[in-house]
Amino acid sequence: MCEEEVMDNAINDGDRPGTLVTEATLDDLEALGGNVDHGGVPQDKRHGATIIMVVVFAVIVVAALAGFSGARWYYRDKAAPGVYLGNVSVAGQNASQLEQTVTREADNSKITVSDEQGRKVTAGFKDFGVSVDVKRTVRDLLDAKGDGAGRVSPFGKAYIKLDAKVNDLSVNKYLTDSFVQDGDKAVPSSIAFNGSNKFVVQAGHGGRAPDMAGVKRTLDDLIANPGQTQSVTVSYKDVPDPVSEQNAQITADLANKILSNPIVINNGDTGKFQIPVDRIASWIKMETDLEKGTISFDIDKAAVANYLNAEVPKRLNHEMTTQEDIINNSGQVLLTLKKGVNGVKVKDCGPVIDQVYGALMDSQPATIQVPADITKFDVKQTKPQMRLVVDKSAQMVTVYKDDQQVQTFPVCTGKGGHETTPGTYVINVRYDVQTMRGSDYVTPNVPWVSYFNGGQGFHGAPWNPTGIGMGDPVGHGSHGCVNMNVQDAKWIYDNCPQGSLVQVVGSQPGGPVR
């Protein structure tokens, strides 16, 4: 085979036209006994050219790898090449820049809505109640194209839409408010608490509303391709009552069942109170779901807790009150001046809150005892030195000191309809002179007054010597007081201090007793 044929075969080896002849190929031919013409190039020069070619190839490979690594490092916290928000390229933008872009494009997304009557409005996402999650959209942009080898390729494309939610109720409300007059709008039935301490239904009615299907499709398109203004025309349709009166009544009946069950709180002693119906009603929070056409309610547990934490201590806590008794020589209690009251201090209201909330949720009555520390009241007993016995039958008052009689005075007690009330009392208020008033009288300058039972007391009655002298309450009786001669009333004032015991006994005579 001639040298030309050898070269031709070597060059066209494997049917690859233009393949370079490598050093190994020439050496292999020589090893097989072929005569290869090196064109007169010395052996060492041929080896040098081969090394240069290998080095150049290696440099190219290293540069390519370095460029790829550098690109991945550069875009590690930026949107990758070929990433778009809708139709806007965001390649190379960091998180802060992406937030600005997303916000701008969302704000610039508008819809011009018109109807056949020529009314027109232009509104954005916020008007329609569309919520855009800017941070999640930014995260989607940063994560687009993944983190593999294809992330930095300029040939791959990723089109990201806004992370947004469309609220149908908000869209419907905006369109209805913009295009429908108040008198033509559908009104849902509702529930209100009224003055009769119950929930009542306020009936709604159907009406007219825009068909929002076209607007919703346009909103979906703007979410995918934000930053532009689109137009849409709406038509109208008749709509029923969004919440029927029947559905509202079902809920009102359930709420009224809660109100009909009393809830009483006590402190384990004598203190208790019932939670007012209007207060419970304020805890029942109505929620209208226009999509489902229903009204539901929940109990505001935080409001329950706030009320009980404030009211339970106020209503059920009290200091211990010492009981004050008047006794005779044998220790018998003649009169309790002040009734004793146990001291009560409520403790944790937490269990009470849970029980009240549970009773409300179950629509059940409840009597709930709050945990409390109770201090038993003590008793103070007093044996008064002075005791006055008013005998209505004899129209006389007898004064005892240490149970020994010291004085007896004629009197005139209250007339029919104003009789001096039988019972045991103590002198509690005294005046040396006073103007007395009643429903049908005013008497100035009444001397030596010693009250023992509300407006009933001993006093001088210079205007009534006949009644006192005759002992005649029927014809000359008072309005309930014990009329006395002035000097006798002064003796009682001077000798019977506050706390002196008064016993009114006997029966009303039919006429004068003296």
Protein backbone atom coordinates (compact mmCIF):
# COMPACT_ATOMS: atom_id res chain seq x y z
CA MET A 1 0.00 0.00 0.00
CA CYS A 2 1.41 3.37 -0.93
CA GLU A 3 1.88 6.14 1.62
CA GLU A 4 -1.01 8.17 0.18
CA GLU A 5 -3.37 5.27 0.68
CA VAL A 6 -2.21 4.82 4.26
CA MET A 7 -2.83 8.49 5.01
CA ASP A 8 -6.25 8.44 3.36
CA ASN A 9 -7.29 5.43 5.36
CA ALA A 10 -6.04 6.98 8.56
CA ILE A 11 -7.81 10.27 7.96
CA ASN A 12 -11.12 8.63 7.10
CA ASP A 13 -11.03 6.02 9.84
CA GLY A 14 -14.52 5.19 11.13
CA ASP A 15 -16.16 7.24 8.36
CA ARG A 16 -15.41 10.46 10.29
CA PRO A 17 -14.21 12.96 7.68
CA GLY A 18 -11.71 15.43 8.96
CA THR A 19 -10.69 13.42 12.06
CA LEU A 20 -7.28 14.60 13.29
CA VAL A 21 -4.48 12.09 13.26
CA THR A 22 -3.31 11.61 16.82
CA GLU A 23 0.19 10.72 17.92
CA ALA A 24 -1.00 7.34 19.01
CA THR A 25 -2.41 6.65 15.55
CA LEU A 26 0.90 7.36 13.81
CA ASP A 27 2.91 5.37 16.28
CA ASP A 28 0.51 2.48 15.96
CA LEU A 29 0.98 2.50 12.16
CA GLU A 30 4.70 2.54 12.51
CA ALA A 31 4.56 -0.29 14.96
CA LEU A 32 2.69 -2.29 12.34
CA GLY A 33 5.52 -1.68 9.86
CA GLY A 34 3.98 1.17 7.96
CA ASN A 35 6.05 3.98 6.65
CA VAL A 36 4.51 7.17 7.77
CA ASP A 37 5.78 10.37 6.32
CA HIS A 38 5.94 13.04 9.05
CA GLY A 39 6.57 15.67 6.47
CA GLY A 40 10.08 16.06 7.66
CA VAL A 41 8.92 17.21 11.15
CA PRO A 42 11.31 16.07 13.84
CA GLN A 43 9.98 13.63 16.46
CA ASP A 44 10.32 16.04 19.45
CA LYS A 45 8.42 18.81 17.67
CA ARG A 46 5.58 16.49 16.88
CA HIS A 47 5.27 15.55 20.56
CA GLY A 48 5.32 19.22 21.59
CA ALA A 49 2.40 20.06 19.30
CA THR A 50 0.39 17.24 20.78
CA ILE A 51 1.00 18.44 24.34
CA ILE A 52 -0.08 21.96 23.42
CA MET A 53 -3.32 20.63 22.01
CA VAL A 54 -4.06 18.63 25.17
CA VAL A 55 -3.31 21.64 27.38
CA VAL A 56 -5.58 23.89 25.33
CA PHE A 57 -8.37 21.34 25.56
CA ALA A 58 -7.89 21.04 29.31
CA VAL A 59 -7.94 24.81 29.72
CA ILE A 60 -11.19 24.97 27.80
CA VAL A 61 -12.72 22.25 29.98
CA VAL A 62 -11.51 23.91 33.19
CA ALA A 63 -12.79 27.29 32.04
CA ALA A 64 -16.17 25.78 31.20
CA LEU A 65 -16.39 24.09 34.60
CA ALA A 66 -15.27 27.26 36.35
CA GLY A 67 -17.84 29.28 34.42
CA PHE A 68 -20.58 26.80 35.33
CA SER A 69 -19.58 26.83 39.02
CA GLY A 70 -19.35 30.60 39.01
CA ALA A 71 -22.79 30.93 37.48
CA ARG A 72 -24.29 28.58 40.05
CA TRP A 73 -22.61 30.56 42.86
CA TYR A 74 -23.81 33.88 41.43
CA TYR A 75 -27.44 32.73 41.12
CA ARG A 76 -27.52 30.85 44.43
CA ASP A 77 -29.65 33.58 46.09
CA LYS A 78 -31.12 35.12 42.93
CA ALA A 79 -33.74 34.19 40.38
CA ALA A 80 -32.18 31.92 37.75
CA PRO A 81 -31.82 32.79 34.04
CA GLY A 82 -35.04 32.21 32.15
CA VAL A 83 -37.32 32.80 35.17
CA TYR A 84 -40.35 35.03 34.57
CA LEU A 85 -43.08 36.47 36.75
CA GLY A 86 -45.87 36.16 34.23
CA ASN A 87 -44.22 37.77 31.21
CA VAL A 88 -41.65 39.81 33.15
CA SER A 89 -38.11 38.46 33.36
CA VAL A 90 -36.74 38.50 36.89
CA ALA A 91 -33.43 36.74 36.23
CA GLY A 92 -30.68 37.90 38.58
CA GLN A 93 -33.02 39.62 41.09
CA ASN A 94 -32.44 38.90 44.77
CA ALA A 95 -35.23 38.47 47.34
CA SER A 96 -35.55 42.17 48.10
CA GLN A 97 -35.71 43.11 44.45
CA LEU A 98 -38.19 40.32 43.77
CA GLU A 99 -40.47 41.61 46.54
CA GLN A 100 -40.50 45.02 44.88
CA THR A 101 -41.22 43.45 41.49
CA VAL A 102 -44.01 41.23 42.80
CA THR A 103 -45.60 44.13 44.70
CA ARG A 104 -45.37 46.43 41.70
CA GLU A 105 -46.84 43.91 39.29
CA ALA A 106 -49.64 43.01 41.70
CA ASP A 107 -50.49 46.70 42.25
CA ASN A 108 -50.49 47.31 38.50
CA SER A 109 -52.96 44.47 37.86
CA LYS A 110 -56.31 46.11 37.07
CA ILE A 111 -59.67 45.18 35.62
CA THR A 112 -61.99 47.67 33.96
CA VAL A 113 -65.51 46.34 34.52
CA SER A 114 -68.46 47.74 32.63
CA ASP A 115 -72.10 46.81 32.10
CA GLU A 116 -74.53 47.23 29.22
CA GLN A 117 -75.86 50.48 30.72
CA GLY A 118 -72.46 52.14 30.38
CA ARG A 119 -71.47 52.08 34.02
CA LYS A 120 -67.76 51.42 34.48
CA VAL A 121 -65.22 50.94 37.25
CA THR A 122 -61.54 50.13 37.27
CA ALA A 123 -60.31 48.12 40.23
CA GLY A 124 -57.27 46.26 41.44
CA PHE A 125 -56.65 43.11 43.47
CA LYS A 126 -57.28 44.84 46.81
CA ASP A 127 -60.65 46.13 45.64
CA PHE A 128 -61.74 42.61 44.74
CA GLY A 129 -60.39 41.17 47.98
CA VAL A 130 -57.64 39.19 46.23
CA SER A 131 -54.87 38.42 48.72
CA VAL A 132 -51.35 38.15 47.30
CA ASP A 133 -48.70 36.35 49.33
CA VAL A 134 -45.62 38.29 48.25
CA LYS A 135 -43.09 36.25 50.23
CA ARG A 136 -44.37 32.91 48.94
CA THR A 137 -44.31 34.23 45.39
CA VAL A 138 -40.71 35.35 45.89
CA ARG A 139 -39.84 31.90 47.21
CA ASP A 140 -41.44 30.30 44.14
CA LEU A 141 -39.37 32.57 41.88
CA LEU A 142 -36.13 31.74 43.71
CA ASP A 143 -36.90 28.01 43.65
CA ALA A 144 -37.85 27.94 39.95
CA LYS A 145 -35.72 25.57 37.81
CA GLY A 146 -34.53 23.74 40.93
CA ASP A 147 -30.87 23.59 41.93
CA GLY A 148 -29.48 21.12 39.42
CA ALA A 149 -27.27 21.59 36.38
CA GLY A 150 -30.12 23.04 34.34
CA ARG A 151 -30.72 25.90 36.78
CA VAL A 152 -28.21 28.26 35.11
CA SER A 153 -28.98 27.19 31.55
CA PRO A 154 -30.23 30.21 29.58
CA PHE A 155 -32.31 27.92 27.36
CA GLY A 156 -34.71 26.61 30.04
CA LYS A 157 -37.73 28.79 30.86
CA ALA A 158 -39.91 28.95 33.98
CA TYR A 159 -43.07 31.05 34.12
CA ILE A 160 -44.27 31.70 37.69
CA LYS A 161 -47.63 33.17 38.66
CA LEU A 162 -48.56 35.13 41.77
CA ASP A 163 -49.35 33.14 44.89
CA ALA A 164 -52.81 34.62 45.34
CA LYS A 165 -56.27 33.67 46.56
CA VAL A 166 -59.57 34.93 45.17
CA ASN A 167 -62.40 35.38 47.67
CA ASP A 168 -65.69 34.92 45.82
CA LEU A 169 -67.66 36.76 48.49
CA SER A 170 -65.38 39.77 48.26
CA VAL A 171 -65.61 39.81 44.48
CA ASN A 172 -69.39 39.57 44.62
CA LYS A 173 -69.63 42.31 47.26
CA TYR A 174 -67.44 44.71 45.28
CA LEU A 175 -69.36 44.16 42.06
CA THR A 176 -72.73 44.41 43.80
CA ASP A 177 -71.75 47.58 45.66
CA SER A 178 -70.42 49.10 42.44
CA PHE A 179 -73.30 48.25 40.12
CA VAL A 180 -76.44 47.53 42.16
CA GLN A 181 -78.45 50.10 44.11
CA ASP A 182 -79.15 49.35 47.76
CA GLY A 183 -82.85 48.76 47.21
CA ASP A 184 -82.12 46.10 44.55
CA LYS A 185 -79.55 44.14 46.55
CA ALA A 186 -80.27 40.74 48.07
CA VAL A 187 -80.27 40.89 51.86
CA PRO A 188 -79.60 37.80 54.01
CA SER A 189 -81.81 37.02 56.96
CA SER A 190 -80.07 37.85 60.23
CA ILE A 191 -80.32 37.26 63.98
CA ALA A 192 -80.33 39.92 66.70
CA PHE A 193 -80.76 39.97 70.48
CA ASN A 194 -83.68 42.18 71.47
CA GLY A 195 -85.25 43.69 74.57
CA SER A 196 -87.29 40.57 75.30
CA ASN A 197 -84.11 38.73 76.29
CA LYS A 198 -84.14 36.44 73.26
CA PHE A 199 -82.68 36.17 69.79
CA VAL A 200 -85.09 37.02 66.97
CA VAL A 201 -84.82 36.62 63.21
CA GLN A 202 -84.87 39.61 60.91
CA ALA A 203 -86.10 38.34 57.53
CA GLY A 204 -84.03 39.02 54.42
CA HIS A 205 -85.02 38.99 50.74
CA GLY A 206 -83.70 38.20 47.26
CA GLY A 207 -82.42 40.76 44.77
CA ARG A 208 -80.24 41.50 41.76
CA ALA A 209 -76.50 40.85 41.41
CA PRO A 210 -73.82 40.99 38.68
CA ASP A 211 -72.69 37.71 37.15
CA MET A 212 -69.09 37.55 38.31
CA ALA A 213 -67.91 34.56 36.21
CA GLY A 214 -66.13 36.76 33.64
CA VAL A 215 -64.45 38.83 36.32
CA LYS A 216 -63.20 35.69 38.07
CA ARG A 217 -61.70 34.35 34.84
CA THR A 218 -59.98 37.69 34.29
CA LEU A 219 -58.62 37.67 37.85
CA ASP A 220 -57.20 34.19 37.28
CA ASP A 221 -55.50 35.43 34.11
CA LEU A 222 -54.05 38.45 35.91
CA ILE A 223 -52.70 36.22 38.67
CA ALA A 224 -50.87 34.21 35.99
CA ASN A 225 -49.84 37.32 34.01
CA PRO A 226 -49.82 40.30 36.39
CA GLY A 227 -48.97 43.92 35.72
CA GLN A 228 -51.58 44.74 33.07
CA THR A 229 -55.11 46.14 32.76
CA GLN A 230 -57.83 43.99 31.23
CA SER A 231 -61.47 44.70 30.46
CA VAL A 232 -64.60 42.66 31.05
CA THR A 233 -68.36 43.28 30.70
CA VAL A 234 -70.81 41.96 33.28
CA SER A 235 -74.46 41.03 33.01
CA TYR A 236 -77.00 40.69 35.82
CA LYS A 237 -79.00 37.88 37.37
CA ASP A 238 -81.68 37.47 40.02
CA VAL A 239 -80.46 35.90 43.25
CA PRO A 240 -82.43 34.50 46.21
CA ASP A 241 -82.11 35.51 49.86
CA PRO A 242 -78.45 34.65 50.66
CA VAL A 243 -79.59 33.20 54.02
CA SER A 244 -83.18 32.00 54.26
CA GLU A 245 -85.44 32.96 57.15
CA GLN A 246 -85.90 29.27 57.93
CA ASN A 247 -82.16 28.65 58.27
CA ALA A 248 -81.78 31.74 60.46
CA GLN A 249 -84.65 30.60 62.71
CA ILE A 250 -82.99 27.22 63.30
CA THR A 251 -79.90 28.98 64.63
CA ALA A 252 -81.91 31.48 66.68
CA ASP A 253 -83.77 28.62 68.38
CA LEU A 254 -80.49 26.94 69.33
CA ALA A 255 -79.14 30.19 70.76
CA ASN A 256 -82.34 30.82 72.72
CA LYS A 257 -82.07 27.36 74.26
CA ILE A 258 -78.77 28.47 75.77
CA LEU A 259 -80.39 31.61 77.18
CA SER A 260 -83.23 29.61 78.75
CA ASN A 261 -80.89 27.63 80.99
CA PRO A 262 -79.86 29.56 84.14
CA ILE A 263 -76.25 29.47 85.27
CA VAL A 264 -75.73 30.21 88.96
CA ILE A 265 -72.35 30.74 90.65
CA ASN A 266 -72.00 30.30 94.43
CA ASN A 267 -69.13 30.54 96.89
CA GLY A 268 -69.98 27.50 99.01
CA ASP A 269 -71.48 29.78 101.68
CA THR A 270 -74.39 32.19 101.36
CA GLY A 271 -73.14 34.16 98.38
CA LYS A 272 -74.44 33.42 94.89
CA PHE A 273 -75.48 35.16 91.70
CA GLN A 274 -77.03 34.22 88.38
CA ILE A 275 -75.30 35.30 85.19
CA PRO A 276 -77.66 37.79 83.46
CA VAL A 277 -79.26 36.65 80.22
CA ASP A 278 -78.09 39.72 78.31
CA ARG A 279 -74.53 39.02 79.40
CA ILE A 280 -74.71 35.45 78.11
CA ALA A 281 -76.22 36.76 74.86
CA SER A 282 -73.20 39.03 74.41
CA TRP A 283 -70.95 35.94 74.45
CA ILE A 284 -72.86 34.29 71.59
CA LYS A 285 -71.15 35.41 68.39
CA MET A 286 -73.16 34.93 65.19
CA GLU A 287 -71.31 34.14 61.97
CA THR A 288 -73.00 34.34 58.55
CA ASP A 289 -71.68 32.07 55.79
CA LEU A 290 -73.07 33.47 52.54
CA GLU A 291 -71.50 30.67 50.49
CA LYS A 292 -73.38 28.01 52.46
CA GLY A 293 -76.41 30.20 53.16
CA THR A 294 -76.28 29.53 56.90
CA ILE A 295 -75.76 31.31 60.20
CA SER A 296 -73.76 29.61 62.92
CA PHE A 297 -72.56 30.77 66.31
CA ASP A 298 -69.80 30.19 68.77
CA ILE A 299 -69.26 31.04 72.44
CA ASP A 300 -66.56 33.65 73.04
CA LYS A 301 -64.60 31.88 75.78
CA ALA A 302 -62.25 34.83 76.25
CA ALA A 303 -65.24 37.07 77.00
CA VAL A 304 -66.58 34.46 79.45
CA ALA A 305 -63.22 34.41 81.21
CA ASN A 306 -62.95 38.21 81.37
CA TYR A 307 -66.43 38.52 82.91
CA LEU A 308 -65.99 35.76 85.50
CA ASN A 309 -62.50 36.89 86.52
CA ALA A 310 -63.92 40.35 87.23
CA GLU A 311 -67.38 39.53 88.61
CA VAL A 312 -66.83 36.41 90.72
CA PRO A 313 -64.48 38.09 93.24
CA LYS A 314 -66.58 41.29 93.23
CA ARG A 315 -69.85 39.47 93.92
CA LEU A 316 -68.71 36.57 96.10
CA ASN A 317 -65.77 37.92 98.10
CA HIS A 318 -66.56 39.70 101.37
CA GLU A 319 -64.98 40.39 104.69
CA MET A 320 -66.03 38.57 107.82
CA THR A 321 -68.66 40.50 109.83
CA THR A 322 -68.88 40.03 113.58
CA GLN A 323 -72.37 39.26 114.81
CA GLU A 324 -73.64 41.55 117.57
CA ASP A 325 -76.26 40.12 119.95
CA ILE A 326 -78.14 41.71 122.84
CA ILE A 327 -78.64 39.22 125.67
CA ASN A 328 -80.34 39.19 129.07
CA ASN A 329 -78.86 38.15 132.41
CA SER A 330 -79.37 34.47 131.65
CA GLY A 331 -77.55 34.73 128.31
CA GLN A 332 -80.65 34.50 126.18
CA VAL A 333 -80.38 36.43 122.91
CA LEU A 334 -82.98 39.15 122.94
CA LEU A 335 -81.95 40.89 119.73
CA THR A 336 -79.36 40.53 117.02
CA LEU A 337 -78.18 44.03 116.22
CA LYS A 338 -75.96 42.93 113.35
CA LYS A 339 -76.08 39.56 111.67
CA GLY A 340 -72.73 37.82 111.34
CA VAL A 341 -71.35 37.05 107.90
CA ASN A 342 -68.61 34.55 107.11
CA GLY A 343 -65.53 35.88 105.40
CA VAL A 344 -65.11 34.49 101.87
CA LYS A 345 -62.15 34.77 99.48
CA VAL A 346 -62.53 32.98 96.17
CA LYS A 347 -59.54 31.26 94.66
CA ASP A 348 -58.75 30.21 91.08
CA CYS A 349 -61.60 30.99 88.65
CA GLY A 350 -60.15 28.70 85.99
CA PRO A 351 -62.35 25.67 86.79
CA VAL A 352 -65.43 27.90 86.95
CA ILE A 353 -64.65 29.35 83.51
CA ASP A 354 -64.37 25.86 82.02
CA GLN A 355 -67.62 24.70 83.66
CA VAL A 356 -69.58 27.76 82.55
CA TYR A 357 -68.23 27.45 79.01
CA GLY A 358 -69.09 23.75 78.97
CA ALA A 359 -72.65 24.40 80.21
CA LEU A 360 -73.16 27.02 77.51
CA MET A 361 -71.84 24.77 74.77
CA ASP A 362 -74.08 21.91 75.95
CA SER A 363 -77.12 24.21 76.41
CA GLN A 364 -77.54 22.96 79.97
CA PRO A 365 -78.42 24.74 83.25
CA ALA A 366 -75.69 24.74 85.87
CA THR A 367 -75.06 25.59 89.50
CA ILE A 368 -71.33 25.99 89.93
CA GLN A 369 -69.39 26.41 93.16
CA VAL A 370 -66.23 28.45 92.98
CA PRO A 371 -63.32 27.28 95.17
CA ALA A 372 -63.04 29.62 98.15
CA ASP A 373 -61.49 30.03 101.60
CA ILE A 374 -64.21 30.61 104.23
CA THR A 375 -63.64 32.24 107.62
CA LYS A 376 -66.45 31.64 110.16
CA PHE A 377 -67.80 34.84 111.73
CA ASP A 378 -67.42 35.46 115.46
CA VAL A 379 -70.11 36.71 117.87
CA LYS A 380 -70.04 39.66 120.22
CA GLN A 381 -72.69 39.56 122.98
CA THR A 382 -73.77 42.63 124.93
CA LYS A 383 -76.08 42.87 127.94
CA PRO A 384 -77.48 46.41 127.92
CA GLN A 385 -77.76 48.22 131.24
CA MET A 386 -81.01 49.99 130.31
CA ARG A 387 -84.19 48.26 129.07
CA LEU A 388 -87.43 50.06 128.17
CA VAL A 389 -90.71 48.11 127.94
CA VAL A 390 -93.53 49.87 126.02
CA ASP A 391 -96.85 48.27 127.03
CA LYS A 392 -99.43 49.24 124.41
CA SER A 393 -102.25 47.67 126.39
CA ALA A 394 -101.54 49.88 129.44
CA GLN A 395 -100.12 52.83 127.43
CA MET A 396 -97.12 52.93 129.79
CA VAL A 397 -93.33 52.67 129.38
CA THR A 398 -91.35 51.05 132.21
CA VAL A 399 -87.57 51.55 132.43
CA TYR A 400 -85.28 48.88 133.94
CA LYS A 401 -81.65 49.26 134.91
CA ASP A 402 -79.84 45.96 135.28
CA ASP A 403 -83.32 44.39 135.30
CA GLN A 404 -84.39 46.58 138.24
CA GLN A 405 -87.33 48.90 137.60
CA VAL A 406 -86.31 52.54 137.92
CA GLN A 407 -89.03 54.60 136.17
CA THR A 408 -92.56 54.37 134.73
CA PHE A 409 -94.06 56.99 132.35
CA PRO A 410 -97.50 57.43 130.74
CA VAL A 411 -97.44 57.47 126.95
CA CYS A 412 -99.65 57.62 123.88
CA THR A 413 -98.60 55.25 121.05
CA GLY A 414 -99.52 55.18 117.37
CA LYS A 415 -103.08 55.44 116.16
CA GLY A 416 -104.92 52.95 113.96
CA GLY A 417 -103.10 52.45 110.66
CA HIS A 418 -99.91 53.84 112.23
CA GLU A 419 -99.62 51.61 115.28
CA THR A 420 -96.31 51.35 117.12
CA THR A 421 -94.86 48.05 115.90
CA PRO A 422 -94.46 45.23 118.47
CA GLY A 423 -90.94 43.76 118.69
CA THR A 424 -87.51 44.10 120.23
CA TYR A 425 -85.26 46.99 119.24
CA VAL A 426 -82.47 49.22 120.49
CA ILE A 427 -82.17 52.99 120.62
CA ASN A 428 -79.95 53.81 117.66
CA VAL A 429 -80.34 57.50 116.77
CA ARG A 430 -80.99 60.50 119.08
CA TYR A 431 -81.66 64.23 118.63
CA ASP A 432 -82.19 66.87 121.26
CA VAL A 433 -84.51 68.67 118.82
CA GLN A 434 -85.69 67.82 115.31
CA THR A 435 -88.24 68.78 112.67
CA MET A 436 -90.30 65.67 111.94
CA ARG A 437 -91.88 65.11 108.53
CA GLY A 438 -94.33 62.57 107.23
CA SER A 439 -96.57 62.15 104.20
CA ASP A 440 -99.25 64.35 105.72
CA TYR A 441 -97.49 66.40 108.42
CA VAL A 442 -94.50 68.57 109.27
CA THR A 443 -93.78 69.19 112.97
CA PRO A 444 -90.89 71.53 113.79
CA ASN A 445 -88.87 71.64 117.04
CA VAL A 446 -89.75 68.20 118.38
CA PRO A 447 -87.71 67.79 121.61
CA TRP A 448 -85.71 64.86 123.01
CA VAL A 449 -86.03 62.29 120.23
CA SER A 450 -84.75 58.72 120.72
CA TYR A 451 -85.44 56.50 117.66
CA PHE A 452 -85.58 52.70 118.04
CA ASN A 453 -87.40 51.34 114.95
CA GLY A 454 -86.89 53.31 111.78
CA GLY A 455 -89.08 56.40 112.13
CA GLN A 456 -90.59 55.22 115.43
CA GLY A 457 -89.12 56.58 118.64
CA PHE A 458 -89.67 58.31 122.01
CA HIS A 459 -90.08 62.09 121.96
CA GLY A 460 -91.70 64.94 123.81
CA ALA A 461 -95.21 65.85 122.55
CA PRO A 462 -96.27 69.12 124.15
CA TRP A 463 -99.20 69.30 121.70
CA ASN A 464 -100.73 66.03 123.00
CA PRO A 465 -101.23 66.23 126.78
CA THR A 466 -104.76 64.78 126.48
CA GLY A 467 -103.72 61.66 124.59
CA ILE A 468 -100.83 61.05 126.99
CA GLY A 469 -102.93 61.68 130.05
CA MET A 470 -105.81 59.44 128.94
CA GLY A 471 -103.70 56.80 127.26
CA ASP A 472 -105.87 57.13 124.16
CA PRO A 473 -104.10 56.11 120.91
CA VAL A 474 -107.45 55.64 119.23
CA GLY A 475 -108.50 59.27 119.52
CA HIS A 476 -105.15 61.02 119.97
CA GLY A 477 -102.53 58.56 118.70
CA SER A 478 -99.33 59.44 116.81
CA HIS A 479 -97.97 58.32 113.44
CA GLY A 480 -96.16 55.46 115.20
CA CYS A 481 -93.95 57.25 117.72
CA VAL A 482 -94.33 57.03 121.51
CA ASN A 483 -95.64 60.45 122.61
CA MET A 484 -94.42 61.51 126.08
CA ASN A 485 -94.50 64.50 128.34
CA VAL A 486 -91.48 66.66 127.56
CA GLN A 487 -89.73 66.11 130.93
CA ASP A 488 -90.24 62.32 130.65
CA ALA A 489 -88.81 62.22 127.12
CA LYS A 490 -85.80 64.25 128.38
CA TRP A 491 -85.22 61.71 131.17
CA ILE A 492 -85.06 58.89 128.61
CA TYR A 493 -82.75 60.99 126.41
CA ASP A 494 -80.43 61.68 129.38
CA ASN A 495 -80.43 58.19 130.89
CA CYS A 496 -80.94 55.70 128.05
CA PRO A 497 -78.01 55.90 125.61
CA GLN A 498 -77.69 54.31 122.18
CA GLY A 499 -77.84 50.55 122.50
CA SER A 500 -80.50 50.60 125.21
CA LEU A 501 -83.00 47.76 124.66
CA VAL A 502 -86.62 48.61 123.71
CA GLN A 503 -89.40 46.03 123.87
CA VAL A 504 -92.83 46.90 122.46
CA VAL A 505 -95.46 44.52 123.86
CA GLY A 506 -99.24 44.30 124.34
CA SER A 507 -102.10 45.03 121.98
CA GLN A 508 -103.77 48.17 120.69
CA PRO A 509 -106.56 49.29 123.10
CA GLY A 510 -110.02 50.12 121.84
CA GLY A 511 -110.14 53.48 123.59
CA PRO A 512 -108.67 55.46 126.52
CA VAL A 513 -107.06 53.26 129.21
CA ARG A 514 -106.91 55.93 131.95
